[in-house]
Amino acid sequence: MTPNSESLVDLIFKKLKTYKNKKIFLEKESLNKFIVSLFKEN
């Protein structure tokens, strides 16, 4: 993963973790795997 995409994952993770209206259970590794799967070609 490039440093740019890693920083994007960090940013999304921080934003989701500070979202107060709903309780979100999220692990950074799971989010990372999900985003990588979005970029992969089938």
C-alpha atoms as a PDB file:
ATOM      1  CA  MET A   1       0.000   0.000   0.000  1.00  0.00           C
ATOM      2  CA  THR A   2       1.359   3.406  -0.913  1.00  0.00           C
ATOM      3  CA  PRO A   3       1.898   6.087   1.748  1.00  0.00           C
ATOM      4  CA  ASN A   4      -0.862   8.130   0.146  1.00  0.00           C
ATOM      5  CA  SER A   5      -3.415   5.337   0.410  1.00  0.00           C
ATOM      6  CA  GLU A   6      -2.235   4.552   3.938  1.00  0.00           C
ATOM      7  CA  SER A   7      -2.911   8.136   4.962  1.00  0.00           C
ATOM      8  CA  LEU A   8      -6.339   7.893   3.349  1.00  0.00           C
ATOM      9  CA  VAL A   9      -7.113   4.791   5.420  1.00  0.00           C
ATOM     10  CA  ASP A  10      -5.951   6.619   8.554  1.00  0.00           C
ATOM     11  CA  LEU A  11      -8.136   9.606   7.765  1.00  0.00           C
ATOM     12  CA  ILE A  12     -11.241   7.474   7.142  1.00  0.00           C
ATOM     13  CA  PHE A  13     -10.562   5.465  10.288  1.00  0.00           C
ATOM     14  CA  LYS A  14     -10.260   8.597  12.447  1.00  0.00           C
ATOM     15  CA  LYS A  15     -13.404  10.147  10.982  1.00  0.00           C
ATOM     16  CA  LEU A  16     -15.453   6.992  11.542  1.00  0.00           C
ATOM     17  CA  LYS A  17     -14.176   6.513  15.079  1.00  0.00           C
ATOM     18  CA  THR A  18     -15.182  10.065  16.046  1.00  0.00           C
ATOM     19  CA  TYR A  19     -18.682   9.739  14.572  1.00  0.00           C
ATOM     20  CA  LYS A  20     -20.951  10.205  17.607  1.00  0.00           C
ATOM     21  CA  ASN A  21     -24.481   9.589  16.346  1.00  0.00           C
ATOM     22  CA  LYS A  22     -24.093   5.829  16.113  1.00  0.00           C
ATOM     23  CA  LYS A  23     -21.806   3.399  17.789  1.00  0.00           C
ATOM     24  CA  ILE A  24     -19.380   1.984  15.242  1.00  0.00           C
ATOM     25  CA  PHE A  25     -17.284  -1.091  15.917  1.00  0.00           C
ATOM     26  CA  LEU A  26     -14.348  -0.858  13.586  1.00  0.00           C
ATOM     27  CA  GLU A  27     -10.850  -2.236  13.525  1.00  0.00           C
ATOM     28  CA  LYS A  28      -8.246  -0.511  11.438  1.00  0.00           C
ATOM     29  CA  GLU A  29      -7.020  -3.768   9.907  1.00  0.00           C
ATOM     30  CA  SER A  30     -10.535  -4.646   8.730  1.00  0.00           C
ATOM     31  CA  LEU A  31     -10.966  -1.228   7.184  1.00  0.00           C
ATOM     32  CA  ASN A  32      -7.594  -1.555   5.493  1.00  0.00           C
ATOM     33  CA  LYS A  33      -8.503  -4.952   3.988  1.00  0.00           C
ATOM     34  CA  PHE A  34     -11.826  -3.608   2.769  1.00  0.00           C
ATOM     35  CA  ILE A  35     -10.254  -0.608   1.023  1.00  0.00           C
ATOM     36  CA  VAL A  36      -7.559  -2.765  -0.572  1.00  0.00           C
ATOM     37  CA  SER A  37     -10.270  -5.098  -1.869  1.00  0.00           C
ATOM     38  CA  LEU A  38     -12.010  -2.128  -3.490  1.00  0.00           C
ATOM     39  CA  PHE A  39      -8.883  -1.250  -5.436  1.00  0.00           C
ATOM     40  CA  LYS A  40      -8.149  -4.780  -6.599  1.00  0.00           C
ATOM     41  CA  GLU A  41      -9.316  -5.834  -9.992  1.00  0.00           C
ATOM     42  CA  ASN A  42     -11.497  -8.907 -10.326  1.00  0.00           C
END
